Amino acid sequence: MNGRERTRREVLAAAGGVGLSALAGCPIAGGGGAAIEVTESALRDETVDVGLTGFESGTEVTVRATSADYDPDGPRWTSWATFEADENGEVALSEQSPTDGTYEGADAMGLFWSMTPVTADGETGPTAAGTPSPTGTPVRTTRAPTGTDDGEGLPEGYDVALRAVVDGETAAAATTTRRYVAEGVRHESVATDRAVGELFLPPGEGPHPGVLVLHGSGGSPWLSMARALASRGYAAFAVQYFDPTGEADPIPDALVEVPLSYFDDARAWLVERSAVADGSVGVVGASKGGEASLLVGAEFDWPGAVVAYAPSCYAWAGIEVERGAGGIRFRQAESSSWARGGDPVPYLQVQGRSRRTADGKYATRPAYRGGVEHASAERRDAAFVPVEETDAPLLVVAGEDDQLWPSAAFGRRVVDRLDAEGVGFEYGLRAYDGAGHSIGVPYTPTVTAVSDIRLAMGGTPAADARAEADSWPRVRDRLGSVSA
């Protein structure tokens, strides 16, 4: 059995522990008993075990994955990988590297994260992808791809059709559903005079541990993270702290002097819910939300854990909004992004020019580096987030190839500061080679992080996928410190 301790069917039988144990597979008439075996449905952050059985030994089999549901208003999404069936006529994607395809190396989820969109003329690639949010996750449609939604118009998930092709003919087929949210998760849109955002509650009465989820500079709540955390037992409040459309009162329409007390109010509102534990609350943020997470962790005594994706260790100038015939444009403000007690938090200003990349995007990383290098030591010290004042486990997740700003270098400065101060809480940095600015919940297509937006996010789909898969269990482990 090629040195394996278990047959493919035994591996599949054991796979039930990763989520739903149902397996879906369908041989094609005339296919000689060939079949694809795959978990029928699983949460988006769960791996699924895809296996081929019933082929002749040595047969070259191409597995093609297609989803028309991932972006119902856009193109189909597809990926593929070619394998050679082993002496038992089987292929285990988790154990076997493809000889060719959209990903390399043995990877159970390679077909899922490596999917790319197919345009009407048949072209594939990053430039055909939909618009990503500032945290790299795709901005999805308001209708549910699989025909159902959570009652508020958010998609429940999407189907991926799998085909095993031999000599140009389909020998077997199967379908698996990737679910964004667990069954029973409840969703509530929040618009009060204290907080604005989207609340997701796990199944059951609770009380559930609470987490604030903070978005980046795009101004839209980070729904994918909040839904994933709610599916894992957290009352996740995707807080919106400014709205560039100017439609969400009472929050500002620009990221300028946002009061840190707003996050304190959001936490107070959250723990007043009967389904939420009145204890410590976690904070998870990305990009500018990562900067905010570090500030919140240092500012208040209630955080039970702090997770910062692609953050800055410095507070930066705010971002103003300009509206015109060409739409919304952003520019650097002459004040801080944040305010404390009515006064601007000390900040750095972006200085220098962005770098134009080979694909015509703008890498702002050099300008942020210039802001650090041209600031006086006194100003840098004042703008540095006082992370040593945090009294909760802290984790920074960053990509070494982040082209928006040098988040991995910023993360190392956070760790250096904590090392020097000899703090008593746990902390760590996960910095990933080749990964960019857009690291989040794993296993959906990562090509969206490097697609059609003007700013260069950095990274590659493969490196971002590795970073997401490795960091996600560490993030969940760090949030385990939040009290229930």
Protein backbone atom coordinates (compact mmCIF):
# COMPACT_ATOMS: atom_id res chain seq x y z
CA MET A 1 0.00 0.00 0.00
CA ASN A 2 2.86 2.37 -0.86
CA GLY A 3 3.99 2.34 2.76
CA ARG A 4 0.72 3.76 4.05
CA GLU A 5 -0.62 2.36 7.29
CA ARG A 6 -4.27 2.70 6.29
CA THR A 7 -6.20 2.32 3.06
CA ARG A 8 -7.89 5.30 1.51
CA ARG A 9 -11.29 4.13 2.73
CA GLU A 10 -9.95 3.84 6.28
CA VAL A 11 -8.64 7.39 6.08
CA LEU A 12 -12.01 8.62 4.86
CA ALA A 13 -13.80 6.76 7.61
CA ALA A 14 -11.62 8.52 10.16
CA ALA A 15 -12.30 11.89 8.58
CA GLY A 16 -15.71 12.19 10.20
CA GLY A 17 -14.10 13.84 13.22
CA VAL A 18 -13.26 17.04 11.34
CA GLY A 19 -16.85 18.11 10.94
CA LEU A 20 -19.84 16.47 9.34
CA SER A 21 -19.16 12.81 8.79
CA ALA A 22 -21.35 12.42 5.71
CA LEU A 23 -19.41 11.61 2.55
CA ALA A 24 -20.63 12.39 -0.97
CA GLY A 25 -19.50 10.63 -4.11
CA CYS A 26 -20.98 9.70 -7.44
CA PRO A 27 -19.58 7.35 -10.07
CA ILE A 28 -20.45 8.17 -13.69
CA ALA A 29 -22.19 5.57 -15.81
CA GLY A 30 -19.57 3.57 -17.65
CA GLY A 31 -16.87 4.79 -15.30
CA GLY A 32 -15.96 1.29 -14.10
CA GLY A 33 -16.72 1.99 -10.44
CA ALA A 34 -14.52 5.08 -10.16
CA ALA A 35 -15.70 7.51 -7.50
CA ILE A 36 -14.84 10.73 -5.71
CA GLU A 37 -15.31 10.56 -1.97
CA VAL A 38 -15.56 13.87 -0.10
CA THR A 39 -17.16 15.32 3.00
CA GLU A 40 -20.63 16.42 1.95
CA SER A 41 -20.68 19.68 3.92
CA ALA A 42 -18.26 21.47 6.23
CA LEU A 43 -17.59 24.88 7.70
CA ARG A 44 -15.26 27.10 5.69
CA ASP A 45 -12.47 26.75 8.26
CA GLU A 46 -12.65 22.95 8.25
CA THR A 47 -10.57 20.74 6.02
CA VAL A 48 -12.29 18.11 3.92
CA ASP A 49 -10.77 14.85 2.79
CA VAL A 50 -11.03 14.37 -0.99
CA GLY A 51 -10.16 10.94 -2.32
CA LEU A 52 -10.45 9.01 -5.57
CA THR A 53 -11.15 5.28 -5.67
CA GLY A 54 -11.83 2.63 -8.30
CA PHE A 55 -9.30 3.68 -10.93
CA GLU A 56 -6.75 1.45 -12.61
CA SER A 57 -3.28 1.64 -11.08
CA GLY A 58 -1.15 4.27 -12.79
CA THR A 59 -4.07 6.08 -14.39
CA GLU A 60 -3.56 9.82 -14.86
CA VAL A 61 -6.58 11.54 -13.30
CA THR A 62 -7.32 15.26 -13.32
CA VAL A 63 -9.60 16.54 -10.57
CA ARG A 64 -11.42 19.74 -11.48
CA ALA A 65 -13.23 21.90 -8.94
CA THR A 66 -15.82 24.44 -10.05
CA SER A 67 -18.11 26.82 -8.21
CA ALA A 68 -20.74 29.03 -9.76
CA ASP A 69 -22.05 29.82 -6.29
CA TYR A 70 -18.93 31.42 -4.79
CA ASP A 71 -19.78 34.68 -6.57
CA PRO A 72 -23.24 34.26 -8.14
CA ASP A 73 -23.10 37.69 -9.80
CA GLY A 74 -19.67 37.10 -11.28
CA PRO A 75 -17.70 34.45 -13.16
CA ARG A 76 -17.33 30.78 -12.37
CA TRP A 77 -14.43 29.85 -10.12
CA THR A 78 -12.23 26.87 -10.90
CA SER A 79 -9.10 24.92 -9.97
CA TRP A 80 -7.56 21.62 -11.01
CA ALA A 81 -4.87 19.10 -10.16
CA THR A 82 -3.56 16.01 -11.97
CA PHE A 83 -2.53 12.84 -10.12
CA GLU A 84 -1.40 9.31 -10.84
CA ALA A 85 -3.53 6.66 -9.17
CA ASP A 86 -1.53 4.41 -6.82
CA GLU A 87 -1.24 0.62 -6.92
CA ASN A 88 -4.70 0.36 -5.36
CA GLY A 89 -6.25 2.68 -7.93
CA GLU A 90 -6.65 5.42 -5.32
CA VAL A 91 -5.59 9.04 -4.87
CA ALA A 92 -5.56 10.81 -1.50
CA LEU A 93 -5.25 14.56 -2.01
CA SER A 94 -4.10 15.08 1.58
CA GLU A 95 -1.16 12.71 1.01
CA GLN A 96 -0.27 13.00 -2.67
CA SER A 97 1.26 15.88 -4.61
CA PRO A 98 -0.20 16.69 -8.02
CA THR A 99 2.01 16.37 -11.09
CA ASP A 100 0.45 19.58 -12.39
CA GLY A 101 -2.33 21.96 -11.42
CA THR A 102 -3.24 25.20 -9.69
CA TYR A 103 -1.30 24.31 -6.54
CA GLU A 104 1.78 22.31 -5.55
CA GLY A 105 2.46 19.75 -2.85
CA ALA A 106 0.18 17.42 -0.93
CA ASP A 107 -2.64 19.62 0.32
CA ALA A 108 -6.12 18.47 1.26
CA MET A 109 -7.48 21.98 0.66
CA GLY A 110 -5.41 22.93 -2.38
CA LEU A 111 -8.35 22.72 -4.76
CA PHE A 112 -10.34 25.10 -2.57
CA TRP A 113 -7.91 27.94 -1.83
CA SER A 114 -6.37 27.88 -5.34
CA MET A 115 -9.64 28.51 -7.18
CA THR A 116 -9.53 31.42 -9.63
CA PRO A 117 -12.32 33.10 -11.59
CA VAL A 118 -12.96 32.31 -15.23
CA THR A 119 -14.00 35.25 -17.40
CA ALA A 120 -16.43 35.05 -20.30
CA ASP A 121 -13.52 34.61 -22.72
CA GLY A 122 -12.17 31.69 -20.70
CA GLU A 123 -9.25 33.48 -19.06
CA THR A 124 -8.35 32.78 -15.44
CA GLY A 125 -6.18 34.58 -12.95
CA PRO A 126 -6.03 37.23 -10.23
CA THR A 127 -7.01 40.12 -12.50
CA ALA A 128 -10.40 38.52 -13.07
CA ALA A 129 -11.19 38.28 -9.37
CA GLY A 130 -13.84 40.22 -7.53
CA THR A 131 -13.12 43.22 -5.35
CA PRO A 132 -11.55 42.27 -2.00
CA SER A 133 -12.13 44.07 1.24
CA PRO A 134 -9.21 45.79 2.99
CA THR A 135 -8.59 42.56 4.89
CA GLY A 136 -8.39 40.50 1.73
CA THR A 137 -11.62 38.57 2.03
CA PRO A 138 -13.86 38.93 -1.03
CA VAL A 139 -16.84 41.24 -0.93
CA ARG A 140 -19.63 38.80 -1.59
CA THR A 141 -23.12 39.34 -2.88
CA THR A 142 -26.04 40.00 -0.59
CA ARG A 143 -27.90 36.89 -1.69
CA ALA A 144 -27.06 33.43 -0.47
CA PRO A 145 -25.16 31.33 -3.04
CA THR A 146 -26.74 28.05 -1.96
CA GLY A 147 -30.28 29.40 -2.03
CA THR A 148 -30.67 30.12 1.68
CA ASP A 149 -29.46 32.91 3.89
CA ASP A 150 -29.37 33.82 7.55
CA GLY A 151 -32.46 35.98 7.37
CA GLU A 152 -30.42 39.15 6.82
CA GLY A 153 -29.31 38.44 3.26
CA LEU A 154 -25.84 37.14 4.09
CA PRO A 155 -24.73 34.05 2.15
CA GLU A 156 -24.77 30.74 3.97
CA GLY A 157 -22.10 29.14 1.82
CA TYR A 158 -21.29 27.88 -1.64
CA ASP A 159 -21.15 24.58 -3.50
CA VAL A 160 -18.02 23.16 -5.12
CA ALA A 161 -18.54 20.59 -7.87
CA LEU A 162 -15.71 18.06 -8.27
CA ARG A 163 -15.05 16.01 -11.41
CA ALA A 164 -12.47 13.30 -12.00
CA VAL A 165 -11.44 13.40 -15.66
CA VAL A 166 -9.57 10.64 -17.50
CA ASP A 167 -8.62 11.05 -21.18
CA GLY A 168 -10.99 13.98 -21.49
CA GLU A 169 -13.98 12.07 -20.12
CA THR A 170 -15.62 12.53 -16.72
CA ALA A 171 -15.21 9.30 -14.76
CA ALA A 172 -16.71 10.40 -11.42
CA ALA A 173 -18.30 13.45 -9.83
CA ALA A 174 -19.25 14.77 -6.40
CA THR A 175 -20.32 18.00 -4.74
CA THR A 176 -19.32 19.47 -1.39
CA THR A 177 -20.78 22.51 0.34
CA ARG A 178 -18.56 25.06 2.07
CA ARG A 179 -20.57 26.79 4.81
CA TYR A 180 -19.65 30.25 6.06
CA VAL A 181 -21.59 29.84 9.29
CA ALA A 182 -22.69 27.02 11.56
CA GLU A 183 -26.31 26.01 11.77
CA GLY A 184 -28.12 27.93 14.47
CA VAL A 185 -25.89 31.03 14.47
CA ARG A 186 -28.05 34.12 14.91
CA HIS A 187 -27.41 37.48 13.27
CA GLU A 188 -28.50 40.91 14.43
CA SER A 189 -27.72 44.26 12.80
CA VAL A 190 -26.85 46.83 15.47
CA ALA A 191 -27.41 50.57 15.16
CA THR A 192 -27.64 52.29 18.53
CA ASP A 193 -26.34 55.56 19.93
CA ARG A 194 -23.57 53.53 21.59
CA ALA A 195 -22.39 51.13 18.88
CA VAL A 196 -22.89 50.15 15.24
CA GLY A 197 -22.11 46.83 13.62
CA GLU A 198 -23.22 43.25 13.10
CA LEU A 199 -23.66 40.80 15.98
CA PHE A 200 -23.40 37.03 15.51
CA LEU A 201 -24.44 34.71 18.34
CA PRO A 202 -23.66 31.00 18.55
CA PRO A 203 -26.41 28.41 18.93
CA GLY A 204 -27.80 27.99 22.43
CA GLU A 205 -28.74 30.36 25.20
CA GLY A 206 -25.21 30.95 26.46
CA PRO A 207 -23.79 32.93 28.03
CA HIS A 208 -21.11 32.88 25.34
CA PRO A 209 -17.69 34.54 25.54
CA GLY A 210 -17.62 37.84 23.66
CA VAL A 211 -15.24 39.11 20.99
CA LEU A 212 -15.04 42.50 19.27
CA VAL A 213 -14.03 42.16 15.60
CA LEU A 214 -12.46 45.31 14.11
CA HIS A 215 -12.32 46.02 10.38
CA GLY A 216 -9.66 47.82 8.38
CA SER A 217 -9.55 51.13 6.55
CA GLY A 218 -12.33 50.21 4.13
CA GLY A 219 -14.89 50.95 6.82
CA SER A 220 -17.03 47.81 6.43
CA PRO A 221 -17.53 45.31 9.29
CA TRP A 222 -15.31 42.21 9.06
CA LEU A 223 -18.17 39.76 8.63
CA SER A 224 -16.19 36.68 7.59
CA MET A 225 -14.17 36.72 10.82
CA ALA A 226 -17.21 37.40 13.01
CA ARG A 227 -19.22 34.60 11.42
CA ALA A 228 -16.33 32.15 11.75
CA LEU A 229 -15.88 32.99 15.43
CA ALA A 230 -19.62 32.72 16.12
CA SER A 231 -19.52 29.28 14.49
CA ARG A 232 -16.83 28.38 17.04
CA GLY A 233 -18.80 29.48 20.10
CA TYR A 234 -18.08 33.20 20.45
CA ALA A 235 -20.55 36.07 20.57
CA ALA A 236 -18.78 38.03 17.85
CA PHE A 237 -19.59 41.70 17.40
CA ALA A 238 -18.24 43.02 14.08
CA VAL A 239 -17.96 46.64 15.17
CA GLN A 240 -18.11 49.42 12.61
CA TYR A 241 -16.23 52.46 13.86
CA PHE A 242 -16.49 54.73 10.82
CA ASP A 243 -18.51 54.67 7.62
CA PRO A 244 -17.10 56.30 4.44
CA THR A 245 -20.60 56.40 2.93
CA GLY A 246 -21.72 58.73 5.72
CA GLU A 247 -24.91 56.72 6.24
CA ALA A 248 -24.29 55.05 9.62
CA ASP A 249 -25.05 57.42 12.47
CA PRO A 250 -23.62 58.09 15.02
CA ILE A 251 -20.20 56.94 13.83
CA PRO A 252 -17.99 59.34 11.84
CA ASP A 253 -17.64 59.14 8.06
CA ALA A 254 -13.83 59.28 8.21
CA LEU A 255 -11.13 57.48 10.13
CA VAL A 256 -10.11 60.61 12.01
CA GLU A 257 -9.95 60.92 15.81
CA VAL A 258 -12.15 57.90 16.40
CA PRO A 259 -12.55 57.82 20.20
CA LEU A 260 -11.03 54.76 21.84
CA SER A 261 -13.92 55.04 24.28
CA TYR A 262 -16.20 53.95 21.41
CA PHE A 263 -14.73 50.46 21.67
CA ASP A 264 -15.29 50.51 25.42
CA ASP A 265 -18.93 51.42 24.77
CA ALA A 266 -19.21 48.62 22.20
CA ARG A 267 -17.87 46.14 24.73
CA ALA A 268 -20.32 47.39 27.38
CA TRP A 269 -23.23 47.06 24.95
CA LEU A 270 -22.13 43.55 24.02
CA VAL A 271 -21.89 42.14 27.54
CA GLU A 272 -25.32 43.54 28.39
CA ARG A 273 -26.83 40.96 26.03
CA SER A 274 -28.27 38.03 27.98
CA ALA A 275 -26.54 35.57 25.62
CA VAL A 276 -23.10 37.10 26.28
CA ALA A 277 -20.91 36.47 29.30
CA ASP A 278 -20.31 39.53 31.46
CA GLY A 279 -16.59 38.98 31.73
CA SER A 280 -13.50 39.64 29.70
CA VAL A 281 -13.95 40.21 25.96
CA GLY A 282 -11.53 39.35 23.18
CA VAL A 283 -10.42 41.81 20.51
CA VAL A 284 -9.53 40.73 16.96
CA GLY A 285 -8.64 43.27 14.29
CA ALA A 286 -6.94 43.48 10.91
CA SER A 287 -4.87 46.26 9.31
CA LYS A 288 -6.11 49.54 10.83
CA GLY A 289 -8.30 47.31 12.99
CA GLY A 290 -5.13 45.55 14.10
CA GLU A 291 -3.66 48.92 15.08
CA ALA A 292 -6.91 49.61 16.96
CA SER A 293 -6.79 46.20 18.66
CA LEU A 294 -3.34 46.89 20.08
CA LEU A 295 -4.50 50.29 21.31
CA VAL A 296 -7.65 48.86 22.90
CA GLY A 297 -5.63 46.12 24.59
CA ALA A 298 -3.34 48.72 26.12
CA GLU A 299 -6.11 51.18 26.99
CA PHE A 300 -8.63 49.04 28.89
CA ASP A 301 -8.56 46.32 31.52
CA TRP A 302 -11.36 44.16 30.11
CA PRO A 303 -9.69 42.46 27.09
CA GLY A 304 -9.25 38.75 27.69
CA ALA A 305 -7.14 38.29 24.56
CA VAL A 306 -5.84 40.49 21.75
CA VAL A 307 -5.24 39.28 18.19
CA ALA A 308 -3.85 41.72 15.63
CA TYR A 309 -3.66 40.71 11.97
CA ALA A 310 -1.23 42.80 9.88
CA PRO A 311 -1.14 45.64 12.43
CA SER A 312 1.05 48.66 12.95
CA CYS A 313 2.87 49.12 16.24
CA TYR A 314 2.47 52.88 15.74
CA ALA A 315 -0.64 55.02 15.63
CA TRP A 316 -0.90 56.79 12.27
CA ALA A 317 -2.55 59.85 10.81
CA GLY A 318 -6.23 59.53 10.05
CA ILE A 319 -7.84 59.03 6.66
CA GLU A 320 -10.25 61.63 5.33
CA VAL A 321 -12.94 60.98 2.74
CA GLU A 322 -13.49 63.03 -0.41
CA ARG A 323 -16.69 62.55 -2.41
CA GLY A 324 -16.98 63.63 -5.99
CA ALA A 325 -18.22 62.65 -9.42
CA GLY A 326 -15.56 59.97 -9.58
CA GLY A 327 -16.72 58.37 -6.34
CA ILE A 328 -15.05 58.22 -2.92
CA ARG A 329 -11.36 59.06 -2.57
CA PHE A 330 -9.20 58.93 0.54
CA ARG A 331 -6.41 61.23 1.71
CA GLN A 332 -4.19 61.53 4.76
CA ALA A 333 -5.65 63.71 7.50
CA GLU A 334 -3.81 66.34 9.53
CA SER A 335 -4.68 64.57 12.76
CA SER A 336 -4.61 61.13 14.34
CA SER A 337 -6.79 58.17 13.47
CA TRP A 338 -7.66 57.87 17.15
CA ALA A 339 -8.54 60.04 20.13
CA ARG A 340 -8.15 59.49 23.84
CA GLY A 341 -10.16 61.64 26.25
CA GLY A 342 -10.94 64.10 23.48
CA ASP A 343 -7.30 64.55 22.45
CA PRO A 344 -5.66 63.02 19.35
CA VAL A 345 -3.51 59.98 20.09
CA PRO A 346 0.12 60.82 19.14
CA TYR A 347 0.71 59.63 15.58
CA LEU A 348 3.07 59.36 12.64
CA GLN A 349 2.43 60.71 9.16
CA VAL A 350 2.96 58.76 5.96
CA GLN A 351 5.88 60.32 4.07
CA GLY A 352 7.31 59.68 0.65
CA ARG A 353 5.87 58.07 -2.44
CA SER A 354 4.25 54.73 -2.95
CA ARG A 355 5.97 52.28 -5.27
CA ARG A 356 4.33 51.30 -8.56
CA THR A 357 4.43 47.52 -8.95
CA ALA A 358 4.88 45.60 -12.18
CA ASP A 359 1.14 44.94 -12.39
CA GLY A 360 0.26 48.62 -12.03
CA LYS A 361 -0.72 48.61 -8.37
CA TYR A 362 0.59 50.91 -5.64
CA ALA A 363 2.68 49.53 -2.79
CA THR A 364 2.37 51.97 0.11
CA ARG A 365 4.92 50.14 2.25
CA PRO A 366 7.80 52.52 1.30
CA ALA A 367 5.71 55.53 2.34
CA TYR A 368 4.99 54.04 5.76
CA ARG A 369 8.65 53.19 6.19
CA GLY A 370 9.44 56.79 5.28
CA GLY A 371 7.02 57.96 7.94
CA VAL A 372 8.93 56.01 10.58
CA GLU A 373 12.39 56.95 9.33
CA HIS A 374 11.69 60.68 9.00
CA ALA A 375 9.98 61.06 12.36
CA SER A 376 12.02 62.18 15.34
CA ALA A 377 12.82 59.62 18.03
CA GLU A 378 10.58 61.55 20.38
CA ARG A 379 7.66 61.40 17.97
CA ARG A 380 8.19 57.70 17.29
CA ASP A 381 8.22 56.95 21.00
CA ALA A 382 5.02 58.94 21.54
CA ALA A 383 3.23 57.22 18.63
CA PHE A 384 4.29 53.70 19.64
CA VAL A 385 1.34 51.75 21.03
CA PRO A 386 2.11 51.03 24.73
CA VAL A 387 1.60 47.30 24.30
CA GLU A 388 3.36 46.61 27.61
CA GLU A 389 0.26 47.98 29.34
CA THR A 390 -1.83 45.15 27.92
CA ASP A 391 -2.80 42.60 30.53
CA ALA A 392 -4.02 39.81 28.28
CA PRO A 393 -2.54 37.17 25.97
CA LEU A 394 -1.54 38.83 22.70
CA LEU A 395 -0.87 37.45 19.22
CA VAL A 396 0.31 39.27 16.11
CA VAL A 397 -0.16 37.62 12.71
CA ALA A 398 1.64 39.16 9.73
CA GLY A 399 3.08 38.49 6.28
CA GLU A 400 6.71 39.24 5.48
CA ASP A 401 5.68 40.38 1.98
CA ASP A 402 3.00 42.80 3.20
CA GLN A 403 3.18 45.63 0.65
CA LEU A 404 0.63 47.91 2.33
CA TRP A 405 2.86 48.50 5.34
CA PRO A 406 5.65 46.45 6.98
CA SER A 407 3.40 44.62 9.43
CA ALA A 408 5.89 41.80 10.12
CA ALA A 409 8.58 44.35 11.08
CA PHE A 410 6.00 46.19 13.18
CA GLY A 411 5.14 42.88 14.87
CA ARG A 412 8.79 42.27 15.73
CA ARG A 413 8.94 45.70 17.35
CA VAL A 414 5.93 44.77 19.46
CA VAL A 415 7.69 41.60 20.61
CA ASP A 416 10.96 43.45 21.25
CA ARG A 417 9.11 45.98 23.40
CA LEU A 418 7.39 43.24 25.40
CA ASP A 419 10.67 41.36 25.81
CA ALA A 420 12.36 44.49 27.12
CA GLU A 421 9.54 45.25 29.55
CA GLY A 422 9.41 41.70 30.92
CA VAL A 423 5.61 41.56 30.89
CA GLY A 424 3.73 38.82 32.69
CA PHE A 425 1.26 37.86 29.95
CA GLU A 426 1.73 35.50 27.01
CA TYR A 427 2.52 37.03 23.65
CA GLY A 428 3.79 35.97 20.28
CA LEU A 429 4.30 36.78 16.61
CA ARG A 430 3.56 34.57 13.63
CA ALA A 431 5.29 36.14 10.63
CA TYR A 432 4.95 34.18 7.38
CA ASP A 433 7.45 34.18 4.51
CA GLY A 434 5.87 35.12 1.20
CA ALA A 435 2.51 36.09 2.71
CA GLY A 436 1.01 39.52 2.27
CA HIS A 437 -1.33 41.90 4.06
CA SER A 438 -4.46 39.80 3.66
CA ILE A 439 -4.46 36.90 6.12
CA GLY A 440 -7.74 35.76 7.65
CA VAL A 441 -9.96 32.72 8.03
CA PRO A 442 -8.63 29.84 5.92
CA TYR A 443 -9.67 27.80 2.90
CA THR A 444 -11.62 30.15 0.65
CA PRO A 445 -9.86 31.35 -2.54
CA THR A 446 -6.84 33.45 -1.60
CA VAL A 447 -6.42 34.93 -5.08
CA THR A 448 -8.86 37.64 -3.98
CA ALA A 449 -6.11 39.11 -1.81
CA VAL A 450 -3.98 40.01 -4.83
CA SER A 451 -6.65 40.88 -7.37
CA ASP A 452 -8.33 43.93 -8.83
CA ILE A 453 -7.68 46.72 -6.36
CA ARG A 454 -5.32 49.66 -6.76
CA LEU A 455 -3.28 48.92 -3.65
CA ALA A 456 -0.75 46.11 -3.65
CA MET A 457 -1.42 43.72 -0.78
CA GLY A 458 1.68 41.59 -1.38
CA GLY A 459 1.95 37.86 -0.95
CA THR A 460 0.94 35.01 -3.21
CA PRO A 461 -2.20 32.86 -3.07
CA ALA A 462 -0.18 29.85 -1.90
CA ALA A 463 1.74 31.73 0.80
CA ASP A 464 -1.41 33.44 2.05
CA ALA A 465 -3.18 30.06 2.18
CA ARG A 466 -0.35 28.55 4.25
CA ALA A 467 -0.41 31.53 6.60
CA GLU A 468 -4.16 31.28 7.09
CA ALA A 469 -4.11 27.54 7.73
CA ASP A 470 -1.25 27.80 10.23
CA SER A 471 -2.44 30.89 12.08
CA TRP A 472 -6.13 30.03 12.49
CA PRO A 473 -5.77 27.36 15.20
CA ARG A 474 -3.31 29.65 17.02
CA VAL A 475 -5.81 32.50 16.92
CA ARG A 476 -8.54 30.25 18.30
CA ASP A 477 -6.18 29.01 21.00
CA ARG A 478 -5.31 32.57 22.01
CA LEU A 479 -9.00 33.50 22.20
CA GLY A 480 -9.50 30.56 24.55
CA SER A 481 -8.36 32.94 27.30
CA VAL A 482 -11.60 34.92 27.00
CA SER A 483 -13.87 34.15 29.93
CA ALA A 484 -17.25 32.51 29.40
